[in-house]
ModelCIF file with pLDDT and N, C-alpha, C, O atoms, coordinates in Angstrom:
data_MODEL
#
_entry.id   MODEL 
#
_entity.id                         1 
_entity.type                       polymer 
_entity.pdbx_number_of_molecules   1 
#
_entity_poly.entity_id                      1 
_entity_poly.type                           'polypeptide(L)' 
_entity_poly.nstd_linkage                   no 
_entity_poly.nstd_monomer                   no 
_entity_poly.pdbx_seq_one_letter_code       VAVVLERAFYRHIYGRPELEQVLATVGLAFLMIASVNLALGSSLLA 
_entity_poly.pdbx_seq_one_letter_code_can   VAVVLERAFYRHIYGRPELEQVLATVGLAFLMIASVNLALGSSLLA 
_entity_poly.pdbx_strand_id                 A 
#
loop_
_entity_poly_seq.entity_id 
_entity_poly_seq.num 
_entity_poly_seq.mon_id 
_entity_poly_seq.hetero 
1 1  VAL n 
1 2  ALA n 
1 3  VAL n 
1 4  VAL n 
1 5  LEU n 
1 6  GLU n 
1 7  ARG n 
1 8  ALA n 
1 9  PHE n 
1 10 TYR n 
1 11 ARG n 
1 12 HIS n 
1 13 ILE n 
1 14 TYR n 
1 15 GLY n 
1 16 ARG n 
1 17 PRO n 
1 18 GLU n 
1 19 LEU n 
1 20 GLU n 
1 21 GLN n 
1 22 VAL n 
1 23 LEU n 
1 24 ALA n 
1 25 THR n 
1 26 VAL n 
1 27 GLY n 
1 28 LEU n 
1 29 ALA n 
1 30 PHE n 
1 31 LEU n 
1 32 MET n 
1 33 ILE n 
1 34 ALA n 
1 35 SER n 
1 36 VAL n 
1 37 ASN n 
1 38 LEU n 
1 39 ALA n 
1 40 LEU n 
1 41 GLY n 
1 42 SER n 
1 43 SER n 
1 44 LEU n 
1 45 LEU n 
1 46 ALA n 
#
_struct_asym.id          A 
_struct_asym.entity_id   1 
#
loop_
_ma_qa_metric.id 
_ma_qa_metric.mode 
_ma_qa_metric.name 
_ma_qa_metric.software_group_id 
_ma_qa_metric.type 
1 global pLDDT . pLDDT 
2 local  pLDDT . pLDDT 
#
_ma_qa_metric_global.metric_id      1 
_ma_qa_metric_global.metric_value   91.76 
_ma_qa_metric_global.model_id       1 
_ma_qa_metric_global.ordinal_id     1 
#
loop_
_ma_qa_metric_local.label_asym_id 
_ma_qa_metric_local.label_comp_id 
_ma_qa_metric_local.label_seq_id 
_ma_qa_metric_local.metric_id 
_ma_qa_metric_local.metric_value 
_ma_qa_metric_local.model_id 
_ma_qa_metric_local.ordinal_id 
A VAL 1  2 96.00 1 1  
A ALA 2  2 95.00 1 2  
A VAL 3  2 94.00 1 3  
A VAL 4  2 94.00 1 4  
A LEU 5  2 94.00 1 5  
A GLU 6  2 92.00 1 6  
A ARG 7  2 91.00 1 7  
A ALA 8  2 92.00 1 8  
A PHE 9  2 92.00 1 9  
A TYR 10 2 92.00 1 10 
A ARG 11 2 88.00 1 11 
A HIS 12 2 89.00 1 12 
A ILE 13 2 90.00 1 13 
A TYR 14 2 84.00 1 14 
A GLY 15 2 80.00 1 15 
A ARG 16 2 87.00 1 16 
A PRO 17 2 89.00 1 17 
A GLU 18 2 89.00 1 18 
A LEU 19 2 91.00 1 19 
A GLU 20 2 92.00 1 20 
A GLN 21 2 93.00 1 21 
A VAL 22 2 93.00 1 22 
A LEU 23 2 93.00 1 23 
A ALA 24 2 94.00 1 24 
A THR 25 2 95.00 1 25 
A VAL 26 2 94.00 1 26 
A GLY 27 2 94.00 1 27 
A LEU 28 2 95.00 1 28 
A ALA 29 2 95.00 1 29 
A PHE 30 2 95.00 1 30 
A LEU 31 2 95.00 1 31 
A MET 32 2 95.00 1 32 
A ILE 33 2 95.00 1 33 
A ALA 34 2 95.00 1 34 
A SER 35 2 94.00 1 35 
A VAL 36 2 94.00 1 36 
A ASN 37 2 94.00 1 37 
A LEU 38 2 93.00 1 38 
A ALA 39 2 90.00 1 39 
A LEU 40 2 91.00 1 40 
A GLY 41 2 89.00 1 41 
A SER 42 2 85.00 1 42 
A SER 43 2 89.00 1 43 
A LEU 44 2 90.00 1 44 
A LEU 45 2 92.00 1 45 
A ALA 46 2 88.00 1 46 
#
loop_
_atom_site.group_PDB 
_atom_site.id 
_atom_site.type_symbol 
_atom_site.label_atom_id 
_atom_site.label_alt_id 
_atom_site.label_comp_id 
_atom_site.label_asym_id 
_atom_site.label_entity_id 
_atom_site.label_seq_id 
_atom_site.pdbx_PDB_ins_code 
_atom_site.Cartn_x 
_atom_site.Cartn_y 
_atom_site.Cartn_z 
_atom_site.occupancy 
_atom_site.B_iso_or_equiv 
_atom_site.pdbx_formal_charge 
_atom_site.auth_seq_id 
_atom_site.auth_comp_id 
_atom_site.auth_asym_id 
_atom_site.auth_atom_id 
_atom_site.pdbx_PDB_model_num 
ATOM 1   N N  . VAL A 1 1  ? -2.018  7.886   8.133   1.00 96.00 ? 1  VAL A N  1 
ATOM 2   C CA . VAL A 1 1  ? -1.308  7.667   7.127   1.00 96.00 ? 1  VAL A CA 1 
ATOM 3   C C  . VAL A 1 1  ? -1.930  7.795   5.748   1.00 96.00 ? 1  VAL A C  1 
ATOM 4   O O  . VAL A 1 1  ? -1.138  7.880   4.810   1.00 96.00 ? 1  VAL A O  1 
ATOM 5   N N  . ALA A 1 2  ? -2.919  7.816   5.549   1.00 95.00 ? 2  ALA A N  1 
ATOM 6   C CA . ALA A 1 2  ? -3.541  7.962   4.269   1.00 95.00 ? 2  ALA A CA 1 
ATOM 7   C C  . ALA A 1 2  ? -2.575  9.327   3.361   1.00 95.00 ? 2  ALA A C  1 
ATOM 8   O O  . ALA A 1 2  ? -2.052  9.356   2.247   1.00 95.00 ? 2  ALA A O  1 
ATOM 9   N N  . VAL A 1 3  ? -2.679  10.305  4.445   1.00 94.00 ? 3  VAL A N  1 
ATOM 10  C CA . VAL A 1 3  ? -2.183  11.691  4.235   1.00 94.00 ? 3  VAL A CA 1 
ATOM 11  C C  . VAL A 1 3  ? -0.342  11.521  3.798   1.00 94.00 ? 3  VAL A C  1 
ATOM 12  O O  . VAL A 1 3  ? 0.392   12.169  3.052   1.00 94.00 ? 3  VAL A O  1 
ATOM 13  N N  . VAL A 1 4  ? -0.190  10.684  4.420   1.00 94.00 ? 4  VAL A N  1 
ATOM 14  C CA . VAL A 1 4  ? 1.624   10.563  4.223   1.00 94.00 ? 4  VAL A CA 1 
ATOM 15  C C  . VAL A 1 4  ? 1.908   9.489   3.250   1.00 94.00 ? 4  VAL A C  1 
ATOM 16  O O  . VAL A 1 4  ? 3.074   9.208   2.970   1.00 94.00 ? 4  VAL A O  1 
ATOM 17  N N  . LEU A 1 5  ? 0.977   8.918   2.758   1.00 94.00 ? 5  LEU A N  1 
ATOM 18  C CA . LEU A 1 5  ? 0.892   8.108   1.565   1.00 94.00 ? 5  LEU A CA 1 
ATOM 19  C C  . LEU A 1 5  ? 0.561   8.713   0.466   1.00 94.00 ? 5  LEU A C  1 
ATOM 20  O O  . LEU A 1 5  ? 1.227   8.516   -0.550  1.00 94.00 ? 5  LEU A O  1 
ATOM 21  N N  . GLU A 1 6  ? -0.532  9.565   0.463   1.00 92.00 ? 6  GLU A N  1 
ATOM 22  C CA . GLU A 1 6  ? -0.984  10.397  -0.730  1.00 92.00 ? 6  GLU A CA 1 
ATOM 23  C C  . GLU A 1 6  ? 0.617   11.712  -0.848  1.00 92.00 ? 6  GLU A C  1 
ATOM 24  O O  . GLU A 1 6  ? 0.764   12.226  -1.956  1.00 92.00 ? 6  GLU A O  1 
ATOM 25  N N  . ARG A 1 7  ? 1.167   11.932  -0.246  1.00 91.00 ? 7  ARG A N  1 
ATOM 26  C CA . ARG A 1 7  ? 2.257   12.750  -0.218  1.00 91.00 ? 7  ARG A CA 1 
ATOM 27  C C  . ARG A 1 7  ? 3.386   11.893  -0.896  1.00 91.00 ? 7  ARG A C  1 
ATOM 28  O O  . ARG A 1 7  ? 3.872   12.025  -2.020  1.00 91.00 ? 7  ARG A O  1 
ATOM 29  N N  . ALA A 1 8  ? 3.723   10.824  0.256   1.00 92.00 ? 8  ALA A N  1 
ATOM 30  C CA . ALA A 1 8  ? 5.220   10.151  -0.420  1.00 92.00 ? 8  ALA A CA 1 
ATOM 31  C C  . ALA A 1 8  ? 4.924   9.219   -1.419  1.00 92.00 ? 8  ALA A C  1 
ATOM 32  O O  . ALA A 1 8  ? 5.866   8.856   -2.123  1.00 92.00 ? 8  ALA A O  1 
ATOM 33  N N  . PHE A 1 9  ? 3.645   8.685   -1.662  1.00 92.00 ? 9  PHE A N  1 
ATOM 34  C CA . PHE A 1 9  ? 3.574   7.414   -2.819  1.00 92.00 ? 9  PHE A CA 1 
ATOM 35  C C  . PHE A 1 9  ? 2.442   8.281   -4.401  1.00 92.00 ? 9  PHE A C  1 
ATOM 36  O O  . PHE A 1 9  ? 2.677   8.669   -5.545  1.00 92.00 ? 9  PHE A O  1 
ATOM 37  N N  . TYR A 1 10 ? 1.320   8.204   -3.539  1.00 92.00 ? 10 TYR A N  1 
ATOM 38  C CA . TYR A 1 10 ? 0.584   8.295   -4.558  1.00 92.00 ? 10 TYR A CA 1 
ATOM 39  C C  . TYR A 1 10 ? 0.615   9.471   -5.479  1.00 92.00 ? 10 TYR A C  1 
ATOM 40  O O  . TYR A 1 10 ? 0.435   9.137   -6.650  1.00 92.00 ? 10 TYR A O  1 
ATOM 41  N N  . ARG A 1 11 ? 0.769   10.590  -5.314  1.00 88.00 ? 11 ARG A N  1 
ATOM 42  C CA . ARG A 1 11 ? 1.044   11.868  -5.798  1.00 88.00 ? 11 ARG A CA 1 
ATOM 43  C C  . ARG A 1 11 ? 2.073   11.397  -7.244  1.00 88.00 ? 11 ARG A C  1 
ATOM 44  O O  . ARG A 1 11 ? 1.879   11.877  -8.360  1.00 88.00 ? 11 ARG A O  1 
ATOM 45  N N  . HIS A 1 12 ? 3.058   10.474  -6.962  1.00 89.00 ? 12 HIS A N  1 
ATOM 46  C CA . HIS A 1 12 ? 3.891   10.537  -8.129  1.00 89.00 ? 12 HIS A CA 1 
ATOM 47  C C  . HIS A 1 12 ? 3.339   9.595   -8.971  1.00 89.00 ? 12 HIS A C  1 
ATOM 48  O O  . HIS A 1 12 ? 4.005   9.368   -9.981  1.00 89.00 ? 12 HIS A O  1 
ATOM 49  N N  . ILE A 1 13 ? 2.236   8.939   -8.830  1.00 90.00 ? 13 ILE A N  1 
ATOM 50  C CA . ILE A 1 13 ? 1.557   8.055   -9.651  1.00 90.00 ? 13 ILE A CA 1 
ATOM 51  C C  . ILE A 1 13 ? 0.460   8.538   -10.364 1.00 90.00 ? 13 ILE A C  1 
ATOM 52  O O  . ILE A 1 13 ? -0.094  7.825   -11.200 1.00 90.00 ? 13 ILE A O  1 
ATOM 53  N N  . TYR A 1 14 ? 0.117   9.578   -10.143 1.00 84.00 ? 14 TYR A N  1 
ATOM 54  C CA . TYR A 1 14 ? -1.190  10.525  -10.953 1.00 84.00 ? 14 TYR A CA 1 
ATOM 55  C C  . TYR A 1 14 ? -0.954  10.657  -12.173 1.00 84.00 ? 14 TYR A C  1 
ATOM 56  O O  . TYR A 1 14 ? 0.139   11.117  -12.504 1.00 84.00 ? 14 TYR A O  1 
ATOM 57  N N  . GLY A 1 15 ? -1.881  10.301  -13.126 1.00 80.00 ? 15 GLY A N  1 
ATOM 58  C CA . GLY A 1 15 ? -1.608  9.825   -14.479 1.00 80.00 ? 15 GLY A CA 1 
ATOM 59  C C  . GLY A 1 15 ? -0.599  9.384   -15.004 1.00 80.00 ? 15 GLY A C  1 
ATOM 60  O O  . GLY A 1 15 ? -0.004  9.808   -15.995 1.00 80.00 ? 15 GLY A O  1 
ATOM 61  N N  . ARG A 1 16 ? -0.339  8.380   -14.253 1.00 87.00 ? 16 ARG A N  1 
ATOM 62  C CA . ARG A 1 16 ? 0.535   7.267   -15.119 1.00 87.00 ? 16 ARG A CA 1 
ATOM 63  C C  . ARG A 1 16 ? -0.370  6.320   -15.940 1.00 87.00 ? 16 ARG A C  1 
ATOM 64  O O  . ARG A 1 16 ? -1.538  6.643   -16.152 1.00 87.00 ? 16 ARG A O  1 
ATOM 65  N N  . PRO A 1 17 ? 0.151   5.133   -16.418 1.00 89.00 ? 17 PRO A N  1 
ATOM 66  C CA . PRO A 1 17 ? -0.389  4.447   -17.530 1.00 89.00 ? 17 PRO A CA 1 
ATOM 67  C C  . PRO A 1 17 ? -1.001  3.351   -16.023 1.00 89.00 ? 17 PRO A C  1 
ATOM 68  O O  . PRO A 1 17 ? -0.530  3.170   -14.900 1.00 89.00 ? 17 PRO A O  1 
ATOM 69  N N  . GLU A 1 18 ? -1.954  2.942   -16.570 1.00 89.00 ? 18 GLU A N  1 
ATOM 70  C CA . GLU A 1 18 ? -3.082  2.028   -15.616 1.00 89.00 ? 18 GLU A CA 1 
ATOM 71  C C  . GLU A 1 18 ? -2.231  0.998   -14.778 1.00 89.00 ? 18 GLU A C  1 
ATOM 72  O O  . GLU A 1 18 ? -2.347  0.768   -13.574 1.00 89.00 ? 18 GLU A O  1 
ATOM 73  N N  . LEU A 1 19 ? -0.872  0.116   -16.159 1.00 91.00 ? 19 LEU A N  1 
ATOM 74  C CA . LEU A 1 19 ? -0.662  -1.087  -15.647 1.00 91.00 ? 19 LEU A CA 1 
ATOM 75  C C  . LEU A 1 19 ? 0.869   -0.593  -14.666 1.00 91.00 ? 19 LEU A C  1 
ATOM 76  O O  . LEU A 1 19 ? 1.672   -1.400  -14.196 1.00 91.00 ? 19 LEU A O  1 
ATOM 77  N N  . GLU A 1 20 ? 0.961   1.003   -14.541 1.00 92.00 ? 20 GLU A N  1 
ATOM 78  C CA . GLU A 1 20 ? 1.837   1.157   -13.786 1.00 92.00 ? 20 GLU A CA 1 
ATOM 79  C C  . GLU A 1 20 ? 1.079   1.537   -12.389 1.00 92.00 ? 20 GLU A C  1 
ATOM 80  O O  . GLU A 1 20 ? 1.854   1.527   -11.432 1.00 92.00 ? 20 GLU A O  1 
ATOM 81  N N  . GLN A 1 21 ? 0.310   1.727   -12.208 1.00 93.00 ? 21 GLN A N  1 
ATOM 82  C CA . GLN A 1 21 ? -0.525  1.986   -10.985 1.00 93.00 ? 21 GLN A CA 1 
ATOM 83  C C  . GLN A 1 21 ? -1.134  0.372   -9.940  1.00 93.00 ? 21 GLN A C  1 
ATOM 84  O O  . GLN A 1 21 ? -1.190  -0.012  -8.772  1.00 93.00 ? 21 GLN A O  1 
ATOM 85  N N  . VAL A 1 22 ? -1.422  -0.022  -11.110 1.00 93.00 ? 22 VAL A N  1 
ATOM 86  C CA . VAL A 1 22 ? -1.830  -1.311  -10.700 1.00 93.00 ? 22 VAL A CA 1 
ATOM 87  C C  . VAL A 1 22 ? -0.542  -1.841  -9.908  1.00 93.00 ? 22 VAL A C  1 
ATOM 88  O O  . VAL A 1 22 ? -0.390  -2.082  -8.711  1.00 93.00 ? 22 VAL A O  1 
ATOM 89  N N  . LEU A 1 23 ? 0.226   -1.926  -10.864 1.00 93.00 ? 23 LEU A N  1 
ATOM 90  C CA . LEU A 1 23 ? 1.862   -2.686  -9.851  1.00 93.00 ? 23 LEU A CA 1 
ATOM 91  C C  . LEU A 1 23 ? 2.049   -1.958  -8.973  1.00 93.00 ? 23 LEU A C  1 
ATOM 92  O O  . LEU A 1 23 ? 2.366   -2.609  -7.977  1.00 93.00 ? 23 LEU A O  1 
ATOM 93  N N  . ALA A 1 24 ? 2.025   -0.932  -8.793  1.00 94.00 ? 24 ALA A N  1 
ATOM 94  C CA . ALA A 1 24 ? 2.509   0.139   -7.234  1.00 94.00 ? 24 ALA A CA 1 
ATOM 95  C C  . ALA A 1 24 ? 1.722   -0.354  -6.815  1.00 94.00 ? 24 ALA A C  1 
ATOM 96  O O  . ALA A 1 24 ? 2.091   -1.242  -6.046  1.00 94.00 ? 24 ALA A O  1 
ATOM 97  N N  . THR A 1 25 ? 0.343   -0.215  -6.946  1.00 95.00 ? 25 THR A N  1 
ATOM 98  C CA . THR A 1 25 ? -0.624  -0.227  -5.575  1.00 95.00 ? 25 THR A CA 1 
ATOM 99  C C  . THR A 1 25 ? -0.661  -1.821  -5.004  1.00 95.00 ? 25 THR A C  1 
ATOM 100 O O  . THR A 1 25 ? -0.664  -2.164  -3.822  1.00 95.00 ? 25 THR A O  1 
ATOM 101 N N  . VAL A 1 26 ? -0.682  -2.485  -5.915  1.00 94.00 ? 26 VAL A N  1 
ATOM 102 C CA . VAL A 1 26 ? -0.207  -3.717  -5.515  1.00 94.00 ? 26 VAL A CA 1 
ATOM 103 C C  . VAL A 1 26 ? 0.796   -4.343  -4.498  1.00 94.00 ? 26 VAL A C  1 
ATOM 104 O O  . VAL A 1 26 ? 0.504   -5.237  -3.703  1.00 94.00 ? 26 VAL A O  1 
ATOM 105 N N  . GLY A 1 27 ? 1.993   -3.768  -4.628  1.00 94.00 ? 27 GLY A N  1 
ATOM 106 C CA . GLY A 1 27 ? 2.935   -3.859  -3.754  1.00 94.00 ? 27 GLY A CA 1 
ATOM 107 C C  . GLY A 1 27 ? 2.485   -3.092  -3.262  1.00 94.00 ? 27 GLY A C  1 
ATOM 108 O O  . GLY A 1 27 ? 3.051   -3.675  -2.338  1.00 94.00 ? 27 GLY A O  1 
ATOM 109 N N  . LEU A 1 28 ? 1.735   -1.858  -2.641  1.00 95.00 ? 28 LEU A N  1 
ATOM 110 C CA . LEU A 1 28 ? 1.737   -1.594  -1.349  1.00 95.00 ? 28 LEU A CA 1 
ATOM 111 C C  . LEU A 1 28 ? 0.727   -2.246  -0.563  1.00 95.00 ? 28 LEU A C  1 
ATOM 112 O O  . LEU A 1 28 ? 0.700   -1.945  0.630   1.00 95.00 ? 28 LEU A O  1 
ATOM 113 N N  . ALA A 1 29 ? -0.109  -3.080  -0.991  1.00 95.00 ? 29 ALA A N  1 
ATOM 114 C CA . ALA A 1 29 ? -0.920  -3.907  -0.418  1.00 95.00 ? 29 ALA A CA 1 
ATOM 115 C C  . ALA A 1 29 ? -0.543  -5.154  0.444   1.00 95.00 ? 29 ALA A C  1 
ATOM 116 O O  . ALA A 1 29 ? -0.764  -5.623  1.561   1.00 95.00 ? 29 ALA A O  1 
ATOM 117 N N  . PHE A 1 30 ? 0.111   -5.412  -0.634  1.00 95.00 ? 30 PHE A N  1 
ATOM 118 C CA . PHE A 1 30 ? 1.322   -6.550  0.113   1.00 95.00 ? 30 PHE A CA 1 
ATOM 119 C C  . PHE A 1 30 ? 2.205   -5.678  0.822   1.00 95.00 ? 30 PHE A C  1 
ATOM 120 O O  . PHE A 1 30 ? 2.237   -6.060  1.992   1.00 95.00 ? 30 PHE A O  1 
ATOM 121 N N  . LEU A 1 31 ? 2.790   -4.880  0.681   1.00 95.00 ? 31 LEU A N  1 
ATOM 122 C CA . LEU A 1 31 ? 3.530   -4.346  2.316   1.00 95.00 ? 31 LEU A CA 1 
ATOM 123 C C  . LEU A 1 31 ? 3.066   -4.107  3.120   1.00 95.00 ? 31 LEU A C  1 
ATOM 124 O O  . LEU A 1 31 ? 3.606   -4.272  4.214   1.00 95.00 ? 31 LEU A O  1 
ATOM 125 N N  . MET A 1 32 ? 1.414   -3.423  2.959   1.00 95.00 ? 32 MET A N  1 
ATOM 126 C CA . MET A 1 32 ? 0.729   -3.259  4.265   1.00 95.00 ? 32 MET A CA 1 
ATOM 127 C C  . MET A 1 32 ? -0.143  -4.461  4.991   1.00 95.00 ? 32 MET A C  1 
ATOM 128 O O  . MET A 1 32 ? -0.976  -4.273  5.877   1.00 95.00 ? 32 MET A O  1 
ATOM 129 N N  . ILE A 1 33 ? 0.278   -5.911  4.347   1.00 95.00 ? 33 ILE A N  1 
ATOM 130 C CA . ILE A 1 33 ? -0.135  -6.921  4.669   1.00 95.00 ? 33 ILE A CA 1 
ATOM 131 C C  . ILE A 1 33 ? 0.956   -7.339  5.492   1.00 95.00 ? 33 ILE A C  1 
ATOM 132 O O  . ILE A 1 33 ? 0.701   -7.607  6.666   1.00 95.00 ? 33 ILE A O  1 
ATOM 133 N N  . ALA A 1 34 ? 2.088   -7.438  5.088   1.00 95.00 ? 34 ALA A N  1 
ATOM 134 C CA . ALA A 1 34 ? 3.192   -8.077  5.651   1.00 95.00 ? 34 ALA A CA 1 
ATOM 135 C C  . ALA A 1 34 ? 3.546   -6.855  7.122   1.00 95.00 ? 34 ALA A C  1 
ATOM 136 O O  . ALA A 1 34 ? 3.566   -7.362  8.244   1.00 95.00 ? 34 ALA A O  1 
ATOM 137 N N  . SER A 1 35 ? 3.721   -5.796  7.035   1.00 94.00 ? 35 SER A N  1 
ATOM 138 C CA . SER A 1 35 ? 3.368   -4.762  8.138   1.00 94.00 ? 35 SER A CA 1 
ATOM 139 C C  . SER A 1 35 ? 2.413   -5.490  9.242   1.00 94.00 ? 35 SER A C  1 
ATOM 140 O O  . SER A 1 35 ? 2.979   -5.941  10.238  1.00 94.00 ? 35 SER A O  1 
ATOM 141 N N  . VAL A 1 36 ? 1.125   -5.619  9.137   1.00 94.00 ? 36 VAL A N  1 
ATOM 142 C CA . VAL A 1 36 ? 0.508   -5.855  9.946   1.00 94.00 ? 36 VAL A CA 1 
ATOM 143 C C  . VAL A 1 36 ? 0.912   -7.478  10.565  1.00 94.00 ? 36 VAL A C  1 
ATOM 144 O O  . VAL A 1 36 ? 0.908   -7.899  11.722  1.00 94.00 ? 36 VAL A O  1 
ATOM 145 N N  . ASN A 1 37 ? 1.177   -8.004  9.552   1.00 94.00 ? 37 ASN A N  1 
ATOM 146 C CA . ASN A 1 37 ? 1.405   -9.680  10.062  1.00 94.00 ? 37 ASN A CA 1 
ATOM 147 C C  . ASN A 1 37 ? 2.370   -9.570  10.836  1.00 94.00 ? 37 ASN A C  1 
ATOM 148 O O  . ASN A 1 37 ? 2.230   -10.241 11.858  1.00 94.00 ? 37 ASN A O  1 
ATOM 149 N N  . LEU A 1 38 ? 3.423   -8.917  10.762  1.00 93.00 ? 38 LEU A N  1 
ATOM 150 C CA . LEU A 1 38 ? 4.711   -8.963  11.212  1.00 93.00 ? 38 LEU A CA 1 
ATOM 151 C C  . LEU A 1 38 ? 4.175   -8.104  12.710  1.00 93.00 ? 38 LEU A C  1 
ATOM 152 O O  . LEU A 1 38 ? 4.917   -8.452  13.628  1.00 93.00 ? 38 LEU A O  1 
ATOM 153 N N  . ALA A 1 39 ? 3.539   -7.506  12.993  1.00 90.00 ? 39 ALA A N  1 
ATOM 154 C CA . ALA A 1 39 ? 3.020   -6.512  14.131  1.00 90.00 ? 39 ALA A CA 1 
ATOM 155 C C  . ALA A 1 39 ? 1.958   -6.875  15.195  1.00 90.00 ? 39 ALA A C  1 
ATOM 156 O O  . ALA A 1 39 ? 1.823   -6.269  16.257  1.00 90.00 ? 39 ALA A O  1 
ATOM 157 N N  . LEU A 1 40 ? 0.881   -8.418  14.604  1.00 91.00 ? 40 LEU A N  1 
ATOM 158 C CA . LEU A 1 40 ? -0.569  -8.897  14.780  1.00 91.00 ? 40 LEU A CA 1 
ATOM 159 C C  . LEU A 1 40 ? -0.255  -10.391 15.039  1.00 91.00 ? 40 LEU A C  1 
ATOM 160 O O  . LEU A 1 40 ? -0.460  -11.266 15.880  1.00 91.00 ? 40 LEU A O  1 
ATOM 161 N N  . GLY A 1 41 ? 0.336   -10.202 13.888  1.00 89.00 ? 41 GLY A N  1 
ATOM 162 C CA . GLY A 1 41 ? 0.061   -11.677 13.708  1.00 89.00 ? 41 GLY A CA 1 
ATOM 163 C C  . GLY A 1 41 ? -0.666  -12.200 12.381  1.00 89.00 ? 41 GLY A C  1 
ATOM 164 O O  . GLY A 1 41 ? -0.510  -11.330 11.524  1.00 89.00 ? 41 GLY A O  1 
ATOM 165 N N  . SER A 1 42 ? -1.439  -13.339 11.847  1.00 85.00 ? 42 SER A N  1 
ATOM 166 C CA . SER A 1 42 ? -2.231  -13.352 11.387  1.00 85.00 ? 42 SER A CA 1 
ATOM 167 C C  . SER A 1 42 ? -3.579  -14.361 11.288  1.00 85.00 ? 42 SER A C  1 
ATOM 168 O O  . SER A 1 42 ? -4.144  -15.044 10.433  1.00 85.00 ? 42 SER A O  1 
ATOM 169 N N  . SER A 1 43 ? -3.732  -14.014 12.720  1.00 89.00 ? 43 SER A N  1 
ATOM 170 C CA . SER A 1 43 ? -5.030  -14.489 13.185  1.00 89.00 ? 43 SER A CA 1 
ATOM 171 C C  . SER A 1 43 ? -5.915  -13.312 13.123  1.00 89.00 ? 43 SER A C  1 
ATOM 172 O O  . SER A 1 43 ? -5.518  -12.171 12.884  1.00 89.00 ? 43 SER A O  1 
ATOM 173 N N  . LEU A 1 44 ? -7.408  -13.726 13.401  1.00 90.00 ? 44 LEU A N  1 
ATOM 174 C CA . LEU A 1 44 ? -8.087  -12.459 13.317  1.00 90.00 ? 44 LEU A CA 1 
ATOM 175 C C  . LEU A 1 44 ? -7.968  -11.571 14.242  1.00 90.00 ? 44 LEU A C  1 
ATOM 176 O O  . LEU A 1 44 ? -7.678  -11.942 15.379  1.00 90.00 ? 44 LEU A O  1 
ATOM 177 N N  . LEU A 1 45 ? -8.159  -10.267 13.965  1.00 92.00 ? 45 LEU A N  1 
ATOM 178 C CA . LEU A 1 45 ? -8.056  -9.592  14.976  1.00 92.00 ? 45 LEU A CA 1 
ATOM 179 C C  . LEU A 1 45 ? -9.219  -9.319  15.757  1.00 92.00 ? 45 LEU A C  1 
ATOM 180 O O  . LEU A 1 45 ? -10.027 -8.838  14.962  1.00 92.00 ? 45 LEU A O  1 
ATOM 181 N N  . ALA A 1 46 ? -9.800  -9.379  17.043  1.00 88.00 ? 46 ALA A N  1 
ATOM 182 C CA . ALA A 1 46 ? -10.743 -9.053  17.557  1.00 88.00 ? 46 ALA A CA 1 
ATOM 183 C C  . ALA A 1 46 ? -11.389 -7.791  17.820  1.00 88.00 ? 46 ALA A C  1 
ATOM 184 O O  . ALA A 1 46 ? -12.457 -7.759  18.431  1.00 88.00 ? 46 ALA A O  1 
#
C-alpha cells in the first residue's frame, strides 16, 4: 500500500510548502480512517 501511495500521492508533495504537506497528509489520514471504519467498524480490532 505504501509503495502505491508513494508513487500516486506522496511523490507529488515532495518539496512542496509545509502547510500543503500537512493538509494533504491529514486528508489522507482521514481517508485511511474512513476506509477501515467502513470495512471493519470502529470497535477494537483483536
